[in-house]
Amino acid sequence: MTVFLCKKCGGILTPDLRPLPIVPPAPDDERDTSSGRAPATMPHGHYAIETEPWGAPYVPHPDQGYGGPTQPRGLSLSDAGVAMTSAGPRHNIVIHPEGAPDLRPLPNGENGVGCCGPSGGGGLNRACPCGARVATLAADCSGPYELHLDAERVHGHDPS
C-alpha cells in the first residue's frame, strides 16, 4: 500500500492505494449520459505508473502519414493539420479521478479547457491545498477519465 504526498508541503494527497502492474486500457463502456465522461480508467483504491509520455507539451508526430493517438488512451490531436504527439512527462501516477479528494482546480480554471470537463491537454490543472500544482485531471467527454499525479511533484510513502 502506498500513500502519495505533496513534495512541497508533505501533505497527504491520497489514501492507501494498491499498485497495478500497468494502466488498464480505457473502458469500452458507454459514457455517462449527463456528464459525457467515460468510466474511470483506474479502479478506486489503486494506482499504476504511466510509462509513456502523457500530456503537454505536444510536438509534431514523427510519422505524419500515420498520426495515431496523441497519448495513451487519448484521441488524435492536430495543430493546423499537423498530427501531434505527447512529449509530456513519463512515470506519472495514474489514479481514479476521485482518489485525491482534497485537490482543487487551479484559479480561474487555468488549464481546465475542455468541452464537458478538463481535457488534461493543457497540463497541470489540480493543486494541493498548499497551492502546489501536482496533478492533471482528464475528465472531458472526448477522452479518458483519470487523474495523473506528477511524479516530479509528489512522492509515494509506504505507511506500514
N, C-alpha and C. Protein backbone atom coordinates (compact mmCIF):
# COMPACT_ATOMS: atom_id res chain seq x y z
N MET A 1 0.85 -1.18 0.00
CA MET A 1 0.00 0.00 0.00
C MET A 1 0.89 1.24 0.00
N THR A 2 0.44 2.24 -0.72
CA THR A 2 1.21 3.48 -0.85
C THR A 2 0.28 4.67 -0.68
N VAL A 3 0.75 5.68 0.03
CA VAL A 3 0.10 6.97 0.15
C VAL A 3 0.96 7.95 -0.63
N PHE A 4 0.33 8.84 -1.40
CA PHE A 4 1.09 9.84 -2.14
C PHE A 4 0.99 11.18 -1.43
N LEU A 5 2.18 11.84 -1.33
CA LEU A 5 2.33 13.09 -0.61
C LEU A 5 2.81 14.19 -1.55
N CYS A 6 2.47 15.42 -1.23
CA CYS A 6 2.97 16.59 -1.95
C CYS A 6 4.43 16.79 -1.58
N LYS A 7 5.30 16.94 -2.58
CA LYS A 7 6.72 17.18 -2.29
C LYS A 7 6.95 18.57 -1.68
N LYS A 8 6.09 19.53 -1.98
CA LYS A 8 6.31 20.88 -1.48
C LYS A 8 6.00 20.98 0.02
N CYS A 9 4.85 20.45 0.45
CA CYS A 9 4.45 20.64 1.85
C CYS A 9 4.40 19.35 2.66
N GLY A 10 4.50 18.20 2.00
CA GLY A 10 4.41 16.93 2.70
C GLY A 10 3.00 16.49 3.00
N GLY A 11 2.01 17.25 2.52
CA GLY A 11 0.61 16.91 2.78
C GLY A 11 0.20 15.61 2.10
N ILE A 12 -0.68 14.88 2.76
CA ILE A 12 -1.20 13.63 2.22
C ILE A 12 -2.23 13.94 1.14
N LEU A 13 -2.02 13.37 -0.05
CA LEU A 13 -2.92 13.62 -1.17
C LEU A 13 -3.89 12.48 -1.42
N THR A 14 -3.49 11.24 -1.07
CA THR A 14 -4.34 10.08 -1.35
C THR A 14 -4.44 9.19 -0.11
N PRO A 15 -5.46 8.36 -0.07
CA PRO A 15 -5.46 7.30 0.94
C PRO A 15 -4.48 6.21 0.50
N ASP A 16 -4.39 5.13 1.27
CA ASP A 16 -3.58 3.98 0.86
C ASP A 16 -4.08 3.45 -0.48
N LEU A 17 -3.16 3.29 -1.43
CA LEU A 17 -3.51 2.77 -2.75
C LEU A 17 -2.68 1.53 -3.03
N ARG A 18 -3.27 0.59 -3.74
CA ARG A 18 -2.57 -0.63 -4.14
C ARG A 18 -2.08 -0.47 -5.58
N PRO A 19 -0.87 -0.95 -5.87
CA PRO A 19 -0.36 -0.82 -7.24
C PRO A 19 -0.97 -1.84 -8.19
N LEU A 20 -1.12 -1.45 -9.42
CA LEU A 20 -1.45 -2.35 -10.53
C LEU A 20 -0.22 -2.37 -11.43
N PRO A 21 0.04 -3.47 -12.14
CA PRO A 21 1.25 -3.56 -12.95
C PRO A 21 1.27 -2.62 -14.16
N ILE A 22 0.10 -2.29 -14.69
CA ILE A 22 0.01 -1.38 -15.83
C ILE A 22 -1.26 -0.54 -15.70
N VAL A 23 -1.31 0.56 -16.43
CA VAL A 23 -2.54 1.33 -16.53
C VAL A 23 -3.48 0.53 -17.42
N PRO A 24 -4.69 0.21 -16.93
CA PRO A 24 -5.61 -0.56 -17.76
C PRO A 24 -5.99 0.20 -19.04
N PRO A 25 -6.41 -0.53 -20.07
CA PRO A 25 -6.91 0.16 -21.25
C PRO A 25 -8.16 0.96 -20.90
N ALA A 26 -8.44 1.95 -21.69
CA ALA A 26 -9.65 2.75 -21.45
C ALA A 26 -10.87 1.84 -21.57
N PRO A 27 -11.81 1.95 -20.63
CA PRO A 27 -13.01 1.11 -20.70
C PRO A 27 -13.82 1.38 -21.97
N ASP A 28 -14.42 0.33 -22.49
CA ASP A 28 -15.26 0.46 -23.68
C ASP A 28 -16.71 0.74 -23.34
N ASP A 29 -17.02 0.84 -22.07
CA ASP A 29 -18.41 1.04 -21.64
C ASP A 29 -18.96 2.35 -22.20
N GLU A 30 -20.25 2.46 -22.14
CA GLU A 30 -20.91 3.69 -22.57
C GLU A 30 -20.51 4.85 -21.68
N ARG A 31 -20.49 6.03 -22.25
CA ARG A 31 -20.22 7.23 -21.47
C ARG A 31 -21.47 7.61 -20.68
N ASP A 32 -21.26 8.27 -19.56
CA ASP A 32 -22.36 8.75 -18.74
C ASP A 32 -23.18 9.75 -19.54
N THR A 33 -24.49 9.59 -19.56
CA THR A 33 -25.32 10.45 -20.40
C THR A 33 -25.39 11.89 -19.90
N SER A 34 -25.25 12.13 -18.60
CA SER A 34 -25.34 13.52 -18.12
C SER A 34 -24.01 14.26 -18.21
N SER A 35 -22.89 13.59 -17.89
CA SER A 35 -21.59 14.27 -17.89
C SER A 35 -20.81 14.06 -19.18
N GLY A 36 -21.12 12.99 -19.92
CA GLY A 36 -20.36 12.66 -21.13
C GLY A 36 -19.06 11.94 -20.83
N ARG A 37 -18.76 11.72 -19.55
CA ARG A 37 -17.50 11.08 -19.17
C ARG A 37 -17.51 9.59 -19.45
N ALA A 38 -16.33 9.10 -19.77
CA ALA A 38 -16.12 7.66 -19.87
C ALA A 38 -16.05 7.10 -18.45
N PRO A 39 -16.21 5.80 -18.29
CA PRO A 39 -15.94 5.21 -16.98
C PRO A 39 -14.48 5.46 -16.61
N ALA A 40 -14.19 5.52 -15.33
CA ALA A 40 -12.82 5.76 -14.88
C ALA A 40 -11.90 4.65 -15.37
N THR A 41 -10.71 5.05 -15.83
CA THR A 41 -9.71 4.08 -16.28
C THR A 41 -9.22 3.23 -15.11
N MET A 42 -8.96 3.87 -13.98
CA MET A 42 -8.41 3.18 -12.80
C MET A 42 -9.52 2.86 -11.80
N PRO A 43 -9.50 1.65 -11.23
CA PRO A 43 -10.46 1.35 -10.17
C PRO A 43 -10.11 2.12 -8.90
N HIS A 44 -11.13 2.40 -8.08
CA HIS A 44 -10.90 3.03 -6.78
C HIS A 44 -9.87 2.23 -6.00
N GLY A 45 -9.00 2.92 -5.27
CA GLY A 45 -8.07 2.27 -4.37
C GLY A 45 -6.81 1.72 -5.01
N HIS A 46 -6.57 2.05 -6.28
CA HIS A 46 -5.39 1.53 -6.99
C HIS A 46 -4.66 2.66 -7.71
N TYR A 47 -3.43 2.36 -8.10
CA TYR A 47 -2.65 3.27 -8.94
C TYR A 47 -1.78 2.44 -9.87
N ALA A 48 -1.33 3.07 -10.93
CA ALA A 48 -0.37 2.46 -11.86
C ALA A 48 0.50 3.57 -12.41
N ILE A 49 1.67 3.20 -12.90
CA ILE A 49 2.62 4.17 -13.46
C ILE A 49 2.44 4.23 -14.97
N GLU A 50 2.27 5.43 -15.50
CA GLU A 50 2.17 5.65 -16.95
C GLU A 50 3.58 5.71 -17.51
N THR A 51 3.98 4.71 -18.26
CA THR A 51 5.36 4.66 -18.76
C THR A 51 5.57 5.47 -20.02
N GLU A 52 4.50 5.80 -20.73
CA GLU A 52 4.61 6.57 -21.97
C GLU A 52 4.44 8.06 -21.69
N PRO A 53 4.92 8.91 -22.62
CA PRO A 53 4.67 10.35 -22.45
C PRO A 53 3.16 10.61 -22.42
N TRP A 54 2.75 11.51 -21.55
CA TRP A 54 1.33 11.83 -21.43
C TRP A 54 1.18 13.30 -21.10
N GLY A 55 0.35 13.99 -21.87
CA GLY A 55 0.04 15.38 -21.61
C GLY A 55 0.97 16.35 -22.33
N ALA A 56 0.77 17.63 -21.98
CA ALA A 56 1.54 18.71 -22.60
C ALA A 56 3.00 18.62 -22.17
N PRO A 57 3.90 19.08 -23.00
CA PRO A 57 3.71 19.72 -24.30
C PRO A 57 3.53 18.68 -25.41
N TYR A 58 3.05 19.18 -26.53
CA TYR A 58 2.84 18.34 -27.70
C TYR A 58 3.78 18.80 -28.81
N VAL A 59 4.25 17.85 -29.58
CA VAL A 59 5.17 18.12 -30.69
C VAL A 59 4.65 17.42 -31.93
N PRO A 60 5.10 17.82 -33.13
CA PRO A 60 4.65 17.14 -34.33
C PRO A 60 4.98 15.64 -34.28
N HIS A 61 4.02 14.84 -34.68
CA HIS A 61 4.21 13.38 -34.71
C HIS A 61 5.28 13.06 -35.75
N PRO A 62 6.20 12.13 -35.44
CA PRO A 62 7.27 11.82 -36.41
C PRO A 62 6.77 11.15 -37.68
N ASP A 63 5.59 10.55 -37.64
CA ASP A 63 5.02 9.90 -38.83
C ASP A 63 3.71 10.59 -39.19
N GLN A 64 3.79 11.63 -39.98
CA GLN A 64 2.61 12.41 -40.33
C GLN A 64 1.59 11.61 -41.14
N GLY A 65 2.02 10.56 -41.82
CA GLY A 65 1.09 9.71 -42.56
C GLY A 65 0.26 8.84 -41.65
N TYR A 66 0.83 8.44 -40.52
CA TYR A 66 0.13 7.57 -39.57
C TYR A 66 -0.61 8.39 -38.53
N GLY A 67 0.07 9.35 -37.93
CA GLY A 67 -0.54 10.12 -36.85
C GLY A 67 -0.79 9.21 -35.66
N GLY A 68 -2.03 8.87 -35.42
CA GLY A 68 -2.38 7.99 -34.33
C GLY A 68 -2.71 8.76 -33.07
N PRO A 69 -3.00 8.04 -31.99
CA PRO A 69 -3.34 8.74 -30.75
C PRO A 69 -2.19 9.65 -30.30
N THR A 70 -2.56 10.76 -29.75
CA THR A 70 -1.57 11.73 -29.27
C THR A 70 -0.86 11.22 -28.03
N GLN A 71 -1.58 10.43 -27.22
CA GLN A 71 -1.04 9.87 -25.99
C GLN A 71 -1.86 8.63 -25.65
N PRO A 72 -1.38 7.80 -24.74
CA PRO A 72 -2.14 6.60 -24.39
C PRO A 72 -3.57 6.93 -23.96
N ARG A 73 -4.52 6.15 -24.43
CA ARG A 73 -5.94 6.27 -24.12
C ARG A 73 -6.52 7.60 -24.55
N GLY A 74 -5.85 8.30 -25.47
CA GLY A 74 -6.34 9.60 -25.90
C GLY A 74 -6.74 9.62 -27.35
N LEU A 75 -7.24 10.75 -27.76
CA LEU A 75 -7.63 10.96 -29.14
C LEU A 75 -6.45 11.50 -29.93
N SER A 76 -6.63 11.62 -31.21
CA SER A 76 -5.62 12.25 -32.06
C SER A 76 -5.83 13.75 -32.04
N LEU A 77 -4.75 14.49 -31.91
CA LEU A 77 -4.80 15.94 -31.95
C LEU A 77 -3.99 16.43 -33.13
N SER A 78 -4.43 17.54 -33.69
CA SER A 78 -3.63 18.15 -34.74
C SER A 78 -3.61 19.66 -34.52
N ASP A 79 -2.59 20.28 -35.05
CA ASP A 79 -2.44 21.72 -34.97
C ASP A 79 -2.21 22.21 -36.39
N ALA A 80 -3.17 22.91 -36.93
CA ALA A 80 -3.10 23.41 -38.32
C ALA A 80 -2.80 22.27 -39.29
N GLY A 81 -3.45 21.11 -39.07
CA GLY A 81 -3.28 19.98 -39.97
C GLY A 81 -2.06 19.12 -39.70
N VAL A 82 -1.28 19.44 -38.69
CA VAL A 82 -0.08 18.66 -38.34
C VAL A 82 -0.45 17.74 -37.18
N ALA A 83 -0.29 16.42 -37.38
CA ALA A 83 -0.57 15.46 -36.32
C ALA A 83 0.43 15.67 -35.18
N MET A 84 -0.08 15.65 -33.95
CA MET A 84 0.76 15.92 -32.79
C MET A 84 0.87 14.66 -31.92
N THR A 85 1.94 14.62 -31.13
CA THR A 85 2.15 13.54 -30.17
C THR A 85 2.64 14.15 -28.86
N SER A 86 2.37 13.47 -27.77
CA SER A 86 2.78 13.99 -26.47
C SER A 86 4.29 13.91 -26.30
N ALA A 87 4.85 14.98 -25.76
CA ALA A 87 6.23 15.00 -25.30
C ALA A 87 6.23 15.30 -23.81
N GLY A 88 5.10 14.97 -23.18
CA GLY A 88 4.92 15.24 -21.76
C GLY A 88 5.70 14.27 -20.89
N PRO A 89 5.50 14.38 -19.61
CA PRO A 89 6.28 13.56 -18.68
C PRO A 89 5.90 12.07 -18.75
N ARG A 90 6.88 11.25 -18.41
CA ARG A 90 6.66 9.81 -18.21
C ARG A 90 6.61 9.56 -16.71
N HIS A 91 6.12 8.41 -16.35
CA HIS A 91 6.11 7.93 -14.96
C HIS A 91 5.14 8.68 -14.05
N ASN A 92 4.13 9.34 -14.65
CA ASN A 92 3.06 9.89 -13.82
C ASN A 92 2.35 8.74 -13.12
N ILE A 93 1.75 9.03 -11.99
CA ILE A 93 0.99 8.05 -11.23
C ILE A 93 -0.48 8.26 -11.59
N VAL A 94 -1.09 7.25 -12.19
CA VAL A 94 -2.48 7.37 -12.63
C VAL A 94 -3.38 6.74 -11.57
N ILE A 95 -4.37 7.52 -11.12
CA ILE A 95 -5.30 7.05 -10.10
C ILE A 95 -6.73 7.35 -10.54
N HIS A 96 -7.70 6.84 -9.78
CA HIS A 96 -9.10 7.17 -10.02
C HIS A 96 -9.27 8.67 -9.82
N PRO A 97 -10.07 9.35 -10.63
CA PRO A 97 -10.22 10.80 -10.50
C PRO A 97 -10.69 11.28 -9.13
N GLU A 98 -11.36 10.42 -8.38
CA GLU A 98 -11.82 10.80 -7.04
C GLU A 98 -10.86 10.33 -5.96
N GLY A 99 -9.67 9.84 -6.38
CA GLY A 99 -8.72 9.27 -5.44
C GLY A 99 -7.88 10.26 -4.67
N ALA A 100 -7.98 11.54 -4.99
CA ALA A 100 -7.26 12.59 -4.26
C ALA A 100 -8.26 13.72 -3.99
N PRO A 101 -9.18 13.49 -3.04
CA PRO A 101 -10.33 14.38 -2.88
C PRO A 101 -10.02 15.81 -2.46
N ASP A 102 -8.84 16.06 -1.91
CA ASP A 102 -8.54 17.42 -1.46
C ASP A 102 -7.89 18.29 -2.53
N LEU A 103 -7.56 17.70 -3.69
CA LEU A 103 -7.01 18.52 -4.77
C LEU A 103 -8.09 19.46 -5.27
N ARG A 104 -7.65 20.62 -5.74
CA ARG A 104 -8.64 21.58 -6.24
C ARG A 104 -8.19 22.14 -7.57
N PRO A 105 -9.17 22.64 -8.36
CA PRO A 105 -8.82 23.25 -9.65
C PRO A 105 -7.93 24.47 -9.45
N LEU A 106 -7.16 24.79 -10.47
CA LEU A 106 -6.33 25.99 -10.42
C LEU A 106 -7.22 27.23 -10.51
N PRO A 107 -6.75 28.36 -10.02
CA PRO A 107 -7.55 29.60 -10.07
C PRO A 107 -7.95 29.95 -11.51
N ASN A 108 -9.13 30.49 -11.64
CA ASN A 108 -9.67 30.95 -12.91
C ASN A 108 -9.77 29.84 -13.95
N GLY A 109 -9.85 28.58 -13.52
CA GLY A 109 -9.99 27.46 -14.45
C GLY A 109 -8.77 27.22 -15.31
N GLU A 110 -7.61 27.71 -14.88
CA GLU A 110 -6.38 27.57 -15.67
C GLU A 110 -6.13 26.11 -16.04
N ASN A 111 -5.82 25.88 -17.29
CA ASN A 111 -5.56 24.55 -17.86
C ASN A 111 -6.76 23.62 -17.74
N GLY A 112 -7.94 24.19 -17.56
CA GLY A 112 -9.15 23.39 -17.43
C GLY A 112 -9.99 23.33 -18.68
N VAL A 113 -9.38 23.58 -19.84
CA VAL A 113 -10.12 23.64 -21.10
C VAL A 113 -10.62 22.26 -21.48
N GLY A 114 -11.84 22.23 -21.95
CA GLY A 114 -12.46 21.02 -22.45
C GLY A 114 -13.92 21.32 -22.74
N CYS A 115 -14.58 20.41 -23.37
CA CYS A 115 -15.98 20.60 -23.72
C CYS A 115 -16.87 20.42 -22.49
N CYS A 116 -16.74 19.30 -21.82
CA CYS A 116 -17.59 18.94 -20.69
C CYS A 116 -16.82 18.85 -19.38
N GLY A 117 -15.55 19.09 -19.42
CA GLY A 117 -14.67 19.00 -18.26
C GLY A 117 -13.25 19.20 -18.76
N PRO A 118 -12.28 19.24 -17.88
CA PRO A 118 -10.90 19.46 -18.35
C PRO A 118 -10.40 18.27 -19.17
N SER A 119 -9.81 18.57 -20.31
CA SER A 119 -9.29 17.50 -21.18
C SER A 119 -7.95 16.97 -20.68
N GLY A 120 -7.24 17.78 -19.91
CA GLY A 120 -5.90 17.42 -19.47
C GLY A 120 -4.84 17.86 -20.45
N GLY A 121 -5.25 18.33 -21.62
CA GLY A 121 -4.32 18.70 -22.67
C GLY A 121 -3.49 19.95 -22.38
N GLY A 122 -3.93 20.77 -21.43
CA GLY A 122 -3.21 21.99 -21.13
C GLY A 122 -2.14 21.84 -20.07
N GLY A 123 -2.05 20.66 -19.48
CA GLY A 123 -1.05 20.43 -18.44
C GLY A 123 -1.67 20.43 -17.06
N LEU A 124 -0.83 20.58 -16.06
CA LEU A 124 -1.27 20.52 -14.67
C LEU A 124 -2.49 21.41 -14.44
N ASN A 125 -3.53 20.83 -13.84
CA ASN A 125 -4.75 21.61 -13.60
C ASN A 125 -5.36 21.36 -12.21
N ARG A 126 -4.61 20.68 -11.32
CA ARG A 126 -5.06 20.43 -9.96
C ARG A 126 -3.93 20.75 -8.99
N ALA A 127 -4.31 21.35 -7.85
CA ALA A 127 -3.32 21.78 -6.86
C ALA A 127 -3.60 21.15 -5.50
N CYS A 128 -2.53 20.95 -4.76
CA CYS A 128 -2.57 20.55 -3.36
C CYS A 128 -3.21 21.71 -2.58
N PRO A 129 -3.80 21.47 -1.41
CA PRO A 129 -4.29 22.58 -0.61
C PRO A 129 -3.23 23.65 -0.31
N CYS A 130 -1.93 23.29 -0.35
CA CYS A 130 -0.88 24.29 -0.13
C CYS A 130 -0.68 25.20 -1.34
N GLY A 131 -1.31 24.86 -2.46
CA GLY A 131 -1.20 25.65 -3.67
C GLY A 131 -0.27 25.08 -4.72
N ALA A 132 0.52 24.07 -4.38
CA ALA A 132 1.43 23.46 -5.36
C ALA A 132 0.65 22.72 -6.43
N ARG A 133 1.03 22.96 -7.68
CA ARG A 133 0.42 22.24 -8.80
C ARG A 133 0.99 20.83 -8.81
N VAL A 134 0.13 19.82 -8.69
CA VAL A 134 0.61 18.46 -8.53
C VAL A 134 -0.01 17.43 -9.46
N ALA A 135 -1.09 17.77 -10.17
CA ALA A 135 -1.80 16.74 -10.92
C ALA A 135 -2.53 17.30 -12.12
N THR A 136 -2.90 16.39 -13.02
CA THR A 136 -3.70 16.72 -14.20
C THR A 136 -4.92 15.82 -14.23
N LEU A 137 -6.09 16.43 -14.20
CA LEU A 137 -7.35 15.70 -14.32
C LEU A 137 -7.77 15.68 -15.78
N ALA A 138 -8.05 14.49 -16.29
CA ALA A 138 -8.66 14.33 -17.62
C ALA A 138 -10.08 13.87 -17.38
N ALA A 139 -11.06 14.73 -17.70
CA ALA A 139 -12.45 14.42 -17.40
C ALA A 139 -13.39 14.98 -18.47
N ASP A 140 -12.91 15.09 -19.69
CA ASP A 140 -13.72 15.63 -20.77
C ASP A 140 -14.51 14.50 -21.45
N CYS A 141 -15.51 14.87 -22.19
CA CYS A 141 -16.34 13.88 -22.88
C CYS A 141 -15.63 13.22 -24.06
N SER A 142 -14.47 13.73 -24.44
CA SER A 142 -13.80 13.18 -25.63
C SER A 142 -12.59 12.32 -25.31
N GLY A 143 -12.30 12.08 -24.04
CA GLY A 143 -11.12 11.30 -23.70
C GLY A 143 -11.33 10.43 -22.49
N PRO A 144 -10.24 9.98 -21.88
CA PRO A 144 -10.35 9.12 -20.71
C PRO A 144 -10.76 9.91 -19.48
N TYR A 145 -11.14 9.20 -18.43
CA TYR A 145 -11.48 9.79 -17.14
C TYR A 145 -10.47 9.26 -16.14
N GLU A 146 -9.44 10.08 -15.84
CA GLU A 146 -8.35 9.64 -14.97
C GLU A 146 -7.63 10.86 -14.40
N LEU A 147 -6.90 10.62 -13.32
CA LEU A 147 -6.12 11.67 -12.67
C LEU A 147 -4.66 11.25 -12.68
N HIS A 148 -3.79 12.14 -13.18
CA HIS A 148 -2.35 11.89 -13.26
C HIS A 148 -1.63 12.73 -12.21
N LEU A 149 -1.04 12.07 -11.22
CA LEU A 149 -0.20 12.76 -10.24
C LEU A 149 1.18 12.90 -10.86
N ASP A 150 1.73 14.10 -10.87
CA ASP A 150 3.02 14.37 -11.48
C ASP A 150 4.13 13.78 -10.62
N ALA A 151 4.88 12.85 -11.18
CA ALA A 151 5.93 12.14 -10.43
C ALA A 151 7.04 13.07 -9.94
N GLU A 152 7.17 14.24 -10.53
CA GLU A 152 8.17 15.21 -10.07
C GLU A 152 7.66 16.04 -8.90
N ARG A 153 6.36 16.00 -8.65
CA ARG A 153 5.76 16.88 -7.64
C ARG A 153 5.13 16.14 -6.47
N VAL A 154 5.05 14.81 -6.58
CA VAL A 154 4.53 14.00 -5.49
C VAL A 154 5.50 12.86 -5.23
N HIS A 155 5.38 12.22 -4.08
CA HIS A 155 6.18 11.03 -3.83
C HIS A 155 5.35 10.06 -3.03
N GLY A 156 5.66 8.77 -3.23
CA GLY A 156 4.95 7.72 -2.53
C GLY A 156 5.59 7.40 -1.20
N HIS A 157 4.75 6.98 -0.26
CA HIS A 157 5.21 6.59 1.07
C HIS A 157 4.44 5.36 1.48
N ASP A 158 5.16 4.35 1.97
CA ASP A 158 4.53 3.14 2.49
C ASP A 158 4.36 3.34 4.00
N PRO A 159 3.12 3.56 4.45
CA PRO A 159 2.91 3.89 5.87
C PRO A 159 3.10 2.71 6.82
N SER A 160 3.29 1.50 6.33
CA SER A 160 3.41 0.37 7.26
C SER A 160 4.80 0.25 7.86
